[in-house]
Amino acid sequence: QELYVDGGDTESDDGLAKPVATHLSTSPSHLFQATENAFSAISAARGGSLL
């Protein structure tokens, strides 16, 4: 549950978090890759300023 993003973009977060959570529940062995994908998607959406 580390997908919190400053700026109050809760709708965007939910849009990413839900499919990621679904993917994790079906493919727990891909936790790292899914996390990487989630952060990449959020970072790209915010202009690469997440990290």
PDB file of N, CA and C in Angstrom:
ATOM      1  N   GLN A   1       0.833  -1.200   0.000  1.00  0.00           N
ATOM      2  CA  GLN A   1       0.000   0.000   0.000  1.00  0.00           C
ATOM      3  C   GLN A   1       0.867   1.249   0.000  1.00  0.00           C
ATOM      4  N   GLU A   2       1.864   1.285  -0.893  1.00  0.00           N
ATOM      5  CA  GLU A   2       2.801   2.412  -0.950  1.00  0.00           C
ATOM      6  C   GLU A   2       2.522   3.280  -2.182  1.00  0.00           C
ATOM      7  N   LEU A   3       1.300   3.200  -2.719  1.00  0.00           N
ATOM      8  CA  LEU A   3       1.017   3.883  -3.976  1.00  0.00           C
ATOM      9  C   LEU A   3       0.421   5.274  -3.761  1.00  0.00           C
ATOM     10  N   TYR A   4       0.663   5.859  -2.572  1.00  0.00           N
ATOM     11  CA  TYR A   4       0.142   7.191  -2.313  1.00  0.00           C
ATOM     12  C   TYR A   4       0.944   8.230  -3.095  1.00  0.00           C
ATOM     13  N   VAL A   5       0.234   9.154  -3.732  1.00  0.00           N
ATOM     14  CA  VAL A   5       0.888  10.182  -4.537  1.00  0.00           C
ATOM     15  C   VAL A   5       0.418  11.560  -4.071  1.00  0.00           C
ATOM     16  N   ASP A   6       1.336  12.470  -3.869  1.00  0.00           N
ATOM     17  CA  ASP A   6       0.974  13.823  -3.451  1.00  0.00           C
ATOM     18  C   ASP A   6       0.194  14.526  -4.558  1.00  0.00           C
ATOM     19  N   GLY A   7      -0.782  15.303  -4.173  1.00  0.00           N
ATOM     20  CA  GLY A   7      -1.547  16.065  -5.148  1.00  0.00           C
ATOM     21  C   GLY A   7      -3.017  15.696  -5.143  1.00  0.00           C
ATOM     22  N   GLY A   8      -3.402  14.646  -4.437  1.00  0.00           N
ATOM     23  CA  GLY A   8      -4.809  14.287  -4.313  1.00  0.00           C
ATOM     24  C   GLY A   8      -5.369  13.609  -5.545  1.00  0.00           C
ATOM     25  N   ASP A   9      -4.527  12.965  -6.340  1.00  0.00           N
ATOM     26  CA  ASP A   9      -5.009  12.258  -7.531  1.00  0.00           C
ATOM     27  C   ASP A   9      -5.539  10.885  -7.136  1.00  0.00           C
ATOM     28  N   THR A  10      -6.572  10.870  -6.300  1.00  0.00           N
ATOM     29  CA  THR A  10      -7.076   9.601  -5.768  1.00  0.00           C
ATOM     30  C   THR A  10      -7.729   8.768  -6.862  1.00  0.00           C
ATOM     31  N   GLU A  11      -8.377   9.439  -7.820  1.00  0.00           N
ATOM     32  CA  GLU A  11      -9.033   8.690  -8.889  1.00  0.00           C
ATOM     33  C   GLU A  11      -7.996   7.967  -9.743  1.00  0.00           C
ATOM     34  N   SER A  12      -6.897   8.646 -10.040  1.00  0.00           N
ATOM     35  CA  SER A  12      -5.833   8.028 -10.823  1.00  0.00           C
ATOM     36  C   SER A  12      -5.215   6.858 -10.061  1.00  0.00           C
ATOM     37  N   ASP A  13      -4.999   7.064  -8.753  1.00  0.00           N
ATOM     38  CA  ASP A  13      -4.409   6.011  -7.934  1.00  0.00           C
ATOM     39  C   ASP A  13      -5.292   4.773  -7.933  1.00  0.00           C
ATOM     40  N   ASP A  14      -6.609   4.968  -7.764  1.00  0.00           N
ATOM     41  CA  ASP A  14      -7.535   3.843  -7.752  1.00  0.00           C
ATOM     42  C   ASP A  14      -7.497   3.114  -9.093  1.00  0.00           C
ATOM     43  N   GLY A  15      -7.421   3.870 -10.174  1.00  0.00           N
ATOM     44  CA  GLY A  15      -7.394   3.269 -11.497  1.00  0.00           C
ATOM     45  C   GLY A  15      -6.192   2.363 -11.685  1.00  0.00           C
ATOM     46  N   LEU A  16      -5.066   2.733 -11.070  1.00  0.00           N
ATOM     47  CA  LEU A  16      -3.866   1.910 -11.180  1.00  0.00           C
ATOM     48  C   LEU A  16      -3.848   0.811 -10.132  1.00  0.00           C
ATOM     49  N   ALA A  17      -4.267   1.161  -8.924  1.00  0.00           N
ATOM     50  CA  ALA A  17      -4.162   0.221  -7.808  1.00  0.00           C
ATOM     51  C   ALA A  17      -5.072  -0.987  -7.986  1.00  0.00           C
ATOM     52  N   LYS A  18      -6.262  -0.781  -8.524  1.00  0.00           N
ATOM     53  CA  LYS A  18      -7.209  -1.888  -8.658  1.00  0.00           C
ATOM     54  C   LYS A  18      -6.696  -2.986  -9.591  1.00  0.00           C
ATOM     55  N   PRO A  19      -6.298  -2.661 -10.834  1.00  0.00           N
ATOM     56  CA  PRO A  19      -5.771  -3.722 -11.706  1.00  0.00           C
ATOM     57  C   PRO A  19      -4.497  -4.351 -11.171  1.00  0.00           C
ATOM     58  N   VAL A  20      -3.662  -3.550 -10.511  1.00  0.00           N
ATOM     59  CA  VAL A  20      -2.435  -4.086  -9.918  1.00  0.00           C
ATOM     60  C   VAL A  20      -2.779  -5.076  -8.822  1.00  0.00           C
ATOM     61  N   ALA A  21      -3.728  -4.702  -7.965  1.00  0.00           N
ATOM     62  CA  ALA A  21      -4.143  -5.586  -6.877  1.00  0.00           C
ATOM     63  C   ALA A  21      -4.714  -6.882  -7.433  1.00  0.00           C
ATOM     64  N   THR A  22      -5.485  -6.778  -8.506  1.00  0.00           N
ATOM     65  CA  THR A  22      -6.057  -7.971  -9.135  1.00  0.00           C
ATOM     66  C   THR A  22      -4.945  -8.854  -9.678  1.00  0.00           C
ATOM     67  N   HIS A  23      -3.962  -8.240 -10.303  1.00  0.00           N
ATOM     68  CA  HIS A  23      -2.833  -8.989 -10.855  1.00  0.00           C
ATOM     69  C   HIS A  23      -2.056  -9.681  -9.749  1.00  0.00           C
ATOM     70  N   LEU A  24      -1.858  -8.974  -8.642  1.00  0.00           N
ATOM     71  CA  LEU A  24      -1.105  -9.549  -7.530  1.00  0.00           C
ATOM     72  C   LEU A  24      -1.840 -10.726  -6.916  1.00  0.00           C
ATOM     73  N   SER A  25      -3.161 -10.640  -6.825  1.00  0.00           N
ATOM     74  CA  SER A  25      -3.941 -11.706  -6.196  1.00  0.00           C
ATOM     75  C   SER A  25      -3.895 -12.972  -7.042  1.00  0.00           C
ATOM     76  N   THR A  26      -3.665 -12.823  -8.352  1.00  0.00           N
ATOM     77  CA  THR A  26      -3.635 -13.988  -9.229  1.00  0.00           C
ATOM     78  C   THR A  26      -2.205 -14.434  -9.533  1.00  0.00           C
ATOM     79  N   SER A  27      -1.252 -13.517  -9.412  1.00  0.00           N
ATOM     80  CA  SER A  27       0.138 -13.849  -9.717  1.00  0.00           C
ATOM     81  C   SER A  27       1.068 -13.273  -8.649  1.00  0.00           C
ATOM     82  N   PRO A  28       1.003 -13.796  -7.417  1.00  0.00           N
ATOM     83  CA  PRO A  28       1.819 -13.245  -6.327  1.00  0.00           C
ATOM     84  C   PRO A  28       3.318 -13.335  -6.588  1.00  0.00           C
ATOM     85  N   SER A  29       3.725 -14.259  -7.455  1.00  0.00           N
ATOM     86  CA  SER A  29       5.151 -14.417  -7.737  1.00  0.00           C
ATOM     87  C   SER A  29       5.689 -13.240  -8.548  1.00  0.00           C
ATOM     88  N   HIS A  30       4.781 -12.450  -9.110  1.00  0.00           N
ATOM     89  CA  HIS A  30       5.184 -11.309  -9.925  1.00  0.00           C
ATOM     90  C   HIS A  30       5.048 -10.000  -9.157  1.00  0.00           C
ATOM     91  N   LEU A  31       5.160 -10.083  -7.833  1.00  0.00           N
ATOM     92  CA  LEU A  31       4.990  -8.898  -6.984  1.00  0.00           C
ATOM     93  C   LEU A  31       5.925  -7.771  -7.401  1.00  0.00           C
ATOM     94  N   PHE A  32       7.202  -8.083  -7.547  1.00  0.00           N
ATOM     95  CA  PHE A  32       8.187  -7.054  -7.865  1.00  0.00           C
ATOM     96  C   PHE A  32       7.895  -6.410  -9.217  1.00  0.00           C
ATOM     97  N   GLN A  33       7.634  -7.237 -10.232  1.00  0.00           N
ATOM     98  CA  GLN A  33       7.379  -6.717 -11.570  1.00  0.00           C
ATOM     99  C   GLN A  33       6.130  -5.842 -11.585  1.00  0.00           C
ATOM    100  N   ALA A  34       5.095  -6.288 -10.885  1.00  0.00           N
ATOM    101  CA  ALA A  34       3.857  -5.507 -10.835  1.00  0.00           C
ATOM    102  C   ALA A  34       4.092  -4.167 -10.144  1.00  0.00           C
ATOM    103  N   THR A  35       4.895  -4.194  -9.083  1.00  0.00           N
ATOM    104  CA  THR A  35       5.214  -2.962  -8.365  1.00  0.00           C
ATOM    105  C   THR A  35       6.004  -2.021  -9.264  1.00  0.00           C
ATOM    106  N   GLU A  36       6.962  -2.569  -9.979  1.00  0.00           N
ATOM    107  CA  GLU A  36       7.753  -1.770 -10.920  1.00  0.00           C
ATOM    108  C   GLU A  36       6.838  -1.130 -11.962  1.00  0.00           C
ATOM    109  N   ASN A  37       5.915  -1.931 -12.503  1.00  0.00           N
ATOM    110  CA  ASN A  37       4.991  -1.429 -13.518  1.00  0.00           C
ATOM    111  C   ASN A  37       4.121  -0.309 -12.965  1.00  0.00           C
ATOM    112  N   ALA A  38       3.647  -0.494 -11.740  1.00  0.00           N
ATOM    113  CA  ALA A  38       2.785   0.511 -11.119  1.00  0.00           C
ATOM    114  C   ALA A  38       3.535   1.824 -10.927  1.00  0.00           C
ATOM    115  N   PHE A  39       4.749   1.735 -10.381  1.00  0.00           N
ATOM    116  CA  PHE A  39       5.536   2.948 -10.166  1.00  0.00           C
ATOM    117  C   PHE A  39       5.903   3.605 -11.496  1.00  0.00           C
ATOM    118  N   SER A  40       6.206   2.800 -12.506  1.00  0.00           N
ATOM    119  CA  SER A  40       6.539   3.349 -13.816  1.00  0.00           C
ATOM    120  C   SER A  40       5.346   4.096 -14.403  1.00  0.00           C
ATOM    121  N   ALA A  41       4.152   3.496 -14.258  1.00  0.00           N
ATOM    122  CA  ALA A  41       2.945   4.123 -14.799  1.00  0.00           C
ATOM    123  C   ALA A  41       2.657   5.442 -14.097  1.00  0.00           C
ATOM    124  N   ILE A  42       2.757   5.445 -12.768  1.00  0.00           N
ATOM    125  CA  ILE A  42       2.511   6.659 -11.996  1.00  0.00           C
ATOM    126  C   ILE A  42       3.573   7.708 -12.312  1.00  0.00           C
ATOM    127  N   SER A  43       4.819   7.277 -12.381  1.00  0.00           N
ATOM    128  CA  SER A  43       5.916   8.197 -12.657  1.00  0.00           C
ATOM    129  C   SER A  43       5.740   8.843 -14.026  1.00  0.00           C
ATOM    130  N   ALA A  44       5.389   8.031 -15.018  1.00  0.00           N
ATOM    131  CA  ALA A  44       5.194   8.542 -16.369  1.00  0.00           C
ATOM    132  C   ALA A  44       4.028   9.527 -16.404  1.00  0.00           C
ATOM    133  N   ALA A  45       2.966   9.203 -15.679  1.00  0.00           N
ATOM    134  CA  ALA A  45       1.785  10.067 -15.659  1.00  0.00           C
ATOM    135  C   ALA A  45       2.097  11.410 -15.005  1.00  0.00           C
ATOM    136  N   ARG A  46       3.051  11.406 -14.077  1.00  0.00           N
ATOM    137  CA  ARG A  46       3.403  12.629 -13.359  1.00  0.00           C
ATOM    138  C   ARG A  46       4.675  13.271 -13.933  1.00  0.00           C
ATOM    139  N   GLY A  47       5.079  12.847 -15.116  1.00  0.00           N
ATOM    140  CA  GLY A  47       6.244  13.456 -15.745  1.00  0.00           C
ATOM    141  C   GLY A  47       7.556  12.910 -15.223  1.00  0.00           C
ATOM    142  N   GLY A  48       7.520  11.716 -14.647  1.00  0.00           N
ATOM    143  CA  GLY A  48       8.740  11.079 -14.163  1.00  0.00           C
ATOM    144  C   GLY A  48       9.297  11.721 -12.911  1.00  0.00           C
ATOM    145  N   SER A  49       8.434  12.366 -12.117  1.00  0.00           N
ATOM    146  CA  SER A  49       8.909  13.072 -10.922  1.00  0.00           C
ATOM    147  C   SER A  49       8.580  12.319  -9.635  1.00  0.00           C
ATOM    148  N   LEU A  50       8.115  11.073  -9.745  1.00  0.00           N
ATOM    149  CA  LEU A  50       7.702  10.329  -8.550  1.00  0.00           C
ATOM    150  C   LEU A  50       8.882  10.074  -7.629  1.00  0.00           C
ATOM    151  N   LEU A  51       9.968   9.552  -8.186  1.00  0.00           N
ATOM    152  CA  LEU A  51      11.136   9.242  -7.373  1.00  0.00           C
ATOM    153  C   LEU A  51      12.192  10.328  -7.550  1.00  0.00           C
TER     154      LEU A  51
END
